[in-house]
């Protein structure tokens, strides 16, 4: 087993342990969490046991239903964190067109940052985020269309946008190159 596979397995086990811990702290059964999140009891059990690598959509549903920031599912305690592009945890969407790398979570859990990659000629339509969440996206490479509610915004390299993320929004890459974004989520806690 190579180092990347070992690291990925460790993260899957860690996420499972955190989900189980948070579920029990909130005194929820697997069935209760399944009803709240819309994720099957079987899938939740597999996640808690570290037997499956959950998608971004599943993790958003779980974090929303537990009323916790997304990155709380990956909690670790360090005073100094270093995030290198392409190293560490990478979470992909269902069709692998959208990949995020969690970068940092503010200790209060009120903010978290990600590096996101959108493949050429593809789009990503995320789950609505927690109530009162603000999303700030900065384009690091490429050009992207971001639709917030019914309005479309075109962003080029180093352009940034801030919007309420608890409503409808999507990302679209109509180019032949991968678009790289830095995304900050600020939760209204």
Protein backbone atom coordinates (compact mmCIF):
# COMPACT_ATOMS: atom_id res chain seq x y z
CA UNK A 1 0.00 0.00 0.00
CA UNK A 2 1.46 3.38 -0.96
CA UNK A 3 1.68 6.39 1.37
CA UNK A 4 -1.23 8.26 -0.28
CA UNK A 5 -3.52 5.22 0.10
CA UNK A 6 -2.49 4.84 3.75
CA UNK A 7 -3.13 8.56 4.43
CA UNK A 8 -6.53 8.36 2.72
CA UNK A 9 -7.52 5.32 4.78
CA UNK A 10 -6.46 7.12 7.98
CA UNK A 11 -8.64 10.11 7.05
CA UNK A 12 -11.61 7.84 6.27
CA UNK A 13 -11.20 6.15 9.68
CA UNK A 14 -10.83 9.54 11.39
CA UNK A 15 -13.97 10.94 9.72
CA UNK A 16 -15.91 7.83 10.73
CA UNK A 17 -14.79 8.15 14.34
CA UNK A 18 -15.71 11.85 14.42
CA UNK A 19 -19.18 11.21 12.92
CA UNK A 20 -19.83 8.47 15.47
CA UNK A 21 -18.57 10.63 18.35
CA UNK A 22 -20.66 13.65 17.32
CA UNK A 23 -23.75 11.51 16.69
CA UNK A 24 -23.46 9.97 20.17
CA UNK A 25 -22.79 13.38 21.79
CA UNK A 26 -26.05 14.58 20.25
CA UNK A 27 -27.73 11.39 21.51
CA UNK A 28 -28.77 10.31 18.03
CA UNK A 29 -29.14 6.75 16.81
CA UNK A 30 -28.00 5.82 13.31
CA UNK A 31 -31.67 5.82 12.35
CA UNK A 32 -32.15 9.34 13.80
CA UNK A 33 -29.14 10.67 11.88
CA UNK A 34 -30.34 8.91 8.74
CA UNK A 35 -33.72 10.63 9.00
CA UNK A 36 -32.13 14.03 9.65
CA UNK A 37 -29.51 13.79 6.91
CA UNK A 38 -31.24 11.79 4.19
CA UNK A 39 -28.25 9.41 4.17
CA UNK A 40 -29.13 5.74 4.54
CA UNK A 41 -28.50 4.01 7.85
CA UNK A 42 -26.32 1.45 6.03
CA UNK A 43 -24.14 4.17 4.48
CA UNK A 44 -23.81 6.00 7.80
CA UNK A 45 -22.74 2.76 9.48
CA UNK A 46 -20.15 2.16 6.75
CA UNK A 47 -18.84 5.72 7.19
CA UNK A 48 -18.59 5.35 10.97
CA UNK A 49 -16.67 2.08 10.60
CA UNK A 50 -14.34 3.63 8.01
CA UNK A 51 -15.47 1.15 5.35
CA UNK A 52 -16.35 3.73 2.70
CA UNK A 53 -14.88 6.97 1.40
CA UNK A 54 -17.84 9.39 1.52
CA UNK A 55 -18.44 11.98 -1.20
CA UNK A 56 -18.62 15.72 -0.61
CA UNK A 57 -22.43 15.63 -0.93
CA UNK A 58 -22.75 12.98 1.79
CA UNK A 59 -20.41 14.85 4.11
CA UNK A 60 -22.37 18.10 3.61
CA UNK A 61 -25.62 16.32 4.46
CA UNK A 62 -24.08 14.86 7.61
CA UNK A 63 -22.51 18.14 8.77
CA UNK A 64 -25.76 20.05 8.16
CA UNK A 65 -27.84 17.47 10.01
CA UNK A 66 -25.43 17.52 12.97
CA UNK A 67 -25.41 21.35 12.78
CA UNK A 68 -21.61 21.49 12.68
CA UNK A 69 -19.13 23.09 10.26
CA UNK A 70 -18.06 20.79 7.43
CA UNK A 71 -14.42 20.72 8.60
CA UNK A 72 -15.44 19.58 12.09
CA UNK A 73 -15.72 16.14 10.48
CA UNK A 74 -11.92 16.24 10.02
CA UNK A 75 -11.06 17.69 13.42
CA UNK A 76 -7.52 17.61 14.69
CA UNK A 77 -5.76 19.69 17.30
CA UNK A 78 -2.56 21.48 16.21
CA UNK A 79 -1.32 25.01 16.80
CA UNK A 80 0.52 25.16 13.44
CA UNK A 81 -0.87 23.62 10.29
CA UNK A 82 0.76 23.51 6.88
CA UNK A 83 -1.27 22.78 3.78
CA UNK A 84 0.54 21.84 0.60
CA UNK A 85 -1.36 21.71 -2.69
CA UNK A 86 -1.95 18.18 -3.88
CA UNK A 87 -0.89 16.67 -0.55
CA UNK A 88 -3.15 15.36 2.18
CA UNK A 89 -6.89 14.91 2.08
CA UNK A 90 -8.72 15.25 -1.25
CA UNK A 91 -12.50 14.80 -1.39
CA UNK A 92 -14.28 14.47 -4.70
CA UNK A 93 -17.84 14.91 -5.88
CA UNK A 94 -19.87 12.04 -7.30
CA UNK A 95 -18.44 12.32 -10.82
CA UNK A 96 -14.94 13.48 -9.72
CA UNK A 97 -15.23 16.77 -11.69
CA UNK A 98 -15.08 18.75 -8.42
CA UNK A 99 -12.34 18.01 -5.90
CA UNK A 100 -11.64 19.88 -2.68
CA UNK A 101 -8.63 19.89 -0.41
CA UNK A 102 -9.51 21.12 3.08
CA UNK A 103 -6.86 23.63 4.09
CA UNK A 104 -7.69 25.06 7.53
CA UNK A 105 -10.48 25.37 10.06
CA UNK A 106 -10.55 28.29 12.47
CA UNK A 107 -10.44 26.98 16.04
CA UNK A 108 -13.93 28.32 16.79
CA UNK A 109 -15.30 26.29 13.87
CA UNK A 110 -16.77 29.48 12.42
CA UNK A 111 -14.54 29.53 9.31
CA UNK A 112 -12.88 26.98 7.08
CA UNK A 113 -10.85 27.20 3.89
CA UNK A 114 -10.47 24.87 0.93
CA UNK A 115 -8.57 24.55 -2.29
CA UNK A 116 -11.04 23.46 -4.99
CA UNK A 117 -10.42 22.08 -8.48
CA UNK A 118 -13.06 22.05 -11.22
CA UNK A 119 -12.20 19.93 -14.24
CA UNK A 120 -12.45 21.29 -17.81
CA UNK A 121 -15.93 21.56 -19.35
CA UNK A 122 -17.72 20.59 -16.17
CA UNK A 123 -19.91 22.04 -13.47
CA UNK A 124 -20.55 21.56 -9.77
CA UNK A 125 -23.88 22.15 -8.03
CA UNK A 126 -23.26 21.85 -4.27
CA UNK A 127 -25.77 21.11 -1.58
CA UNK A 128 -27.06 24.25 0.08
CA UNK A 129 -24.80 24.98 3.03
CA UNK A 130 -25.75 25.66 6.64
CA UNK A 131 -28.14 28.53 7.32
CA UNK A 132 -26.42 31.94 7.45
CA UNK A 133 -23.21 30.67 5.80
CA UNK A 134 -21.17 33.03 3.62
CA UNK A 135 -18.97 31.63 0.85
CA UNK A 136 -16.00 33.58 -0.47
CA UNK A 137 -14.31 32.19 -3.59
CA UNK A 138 -11.12 33.46 -5.22
CA UNK A 139 -10.00 32.17 -8.62
CA UNK A 140 -6.34 31.16 -8.48
CA UNK A 141 -6.09 29.87 -12.06
CA UNK A 142 -8.52 29.98 -14.97
CA UNK A 143 -11.91 31.55 -15.55
CA UNK A 144 -15.17 30.34 -14.02
CA UNK A 145 -18.90 31.14 -14.08
CA UNK A 146 -20.48 31.20 -10.66
CA UNK A 147 -24.26 31.26 -10.47
CA UNK A 148 -25.82 32.55 -7.25
CA UNK A 149 -29.58 32.12 -7.22
CA UNK A 150 -30.43 33.25 -10.78
CA UNK A 151 -27.49 35.64 -11.36
CA UNK A 152 -24.31 34.50 -13.17
CA UNK A 153 -20.91 36.05 -12.47
CA UNK A 154 -17.77 35.49 -14.58
CA UNK A 155 -14.56 35.48 -12.55
CA UNK A 156 -11.01 35.51 -13.89
CA UNK A 157 -7.71 34.79 -12.16
CA UNK A 158 -7.51 36.49 -8.73
CA UNK A 159 -11.13 37.72 -8.88
CA UNK A 160 -13.16 37.05 -5.72
CA UNK A 161 -16.84 36.79 -4.90
CA UNK A 162 -18.75 36.64 -1.62
CA UNK A 163 -22.33 35.36 -1.38
CA UNK A 164 -24.84 33.65 0.93
CA UNK A 165 -24.12 29.92 0.53
CA UNK A 166 -27.28 28.61 2.13
CA UNK A 167 -29.12 29.17 -1.16
CA UNK A 168 -28.72 27.89 -4.69
CA UNK A 169 -25.25 28.32 -6.22
CA UNK A 170 -23.08 26.52 -8.74
CA UNK A 171 -19.71 26.60 -10.47
CA UNK A 172 -19.16 26.09 -14.20
CA UNK A 173 -15.86 25.70 -16.06
CA UNK A 174 -16.34 26.08 -19.83
CA UNK A 175 -12.63 26.04 -20.61
CA UNK A 176 -10.13 23.33 -21.52
CA UNK A 177 -8.11 23.88 -18.31
CA UNK A 178 -8.65 22.97 -14.67
CA UNK A 179 -9.86 25.93 -12.61
CA UNK A 180 -8.34 26.25 -9.14
CA UNK A 181 -10.17 28.20 -6.44
CA UNK A 182 -9.59 29.09 -2.82
CA UNK A 183 -12.86 28.98 -0.92
CA UNK A 184 -13.59 30.32 2.53
CA UNK A 185 -16.79 29.36 4.34
CA UNK A 186 -17.89 31.57 7.22
CA UNK A 187 -20.60 30.01 9.33
CA UNK A 188 -23.20 32.19 11.05
CA UNK A 189 -22.71 30.61 14.46
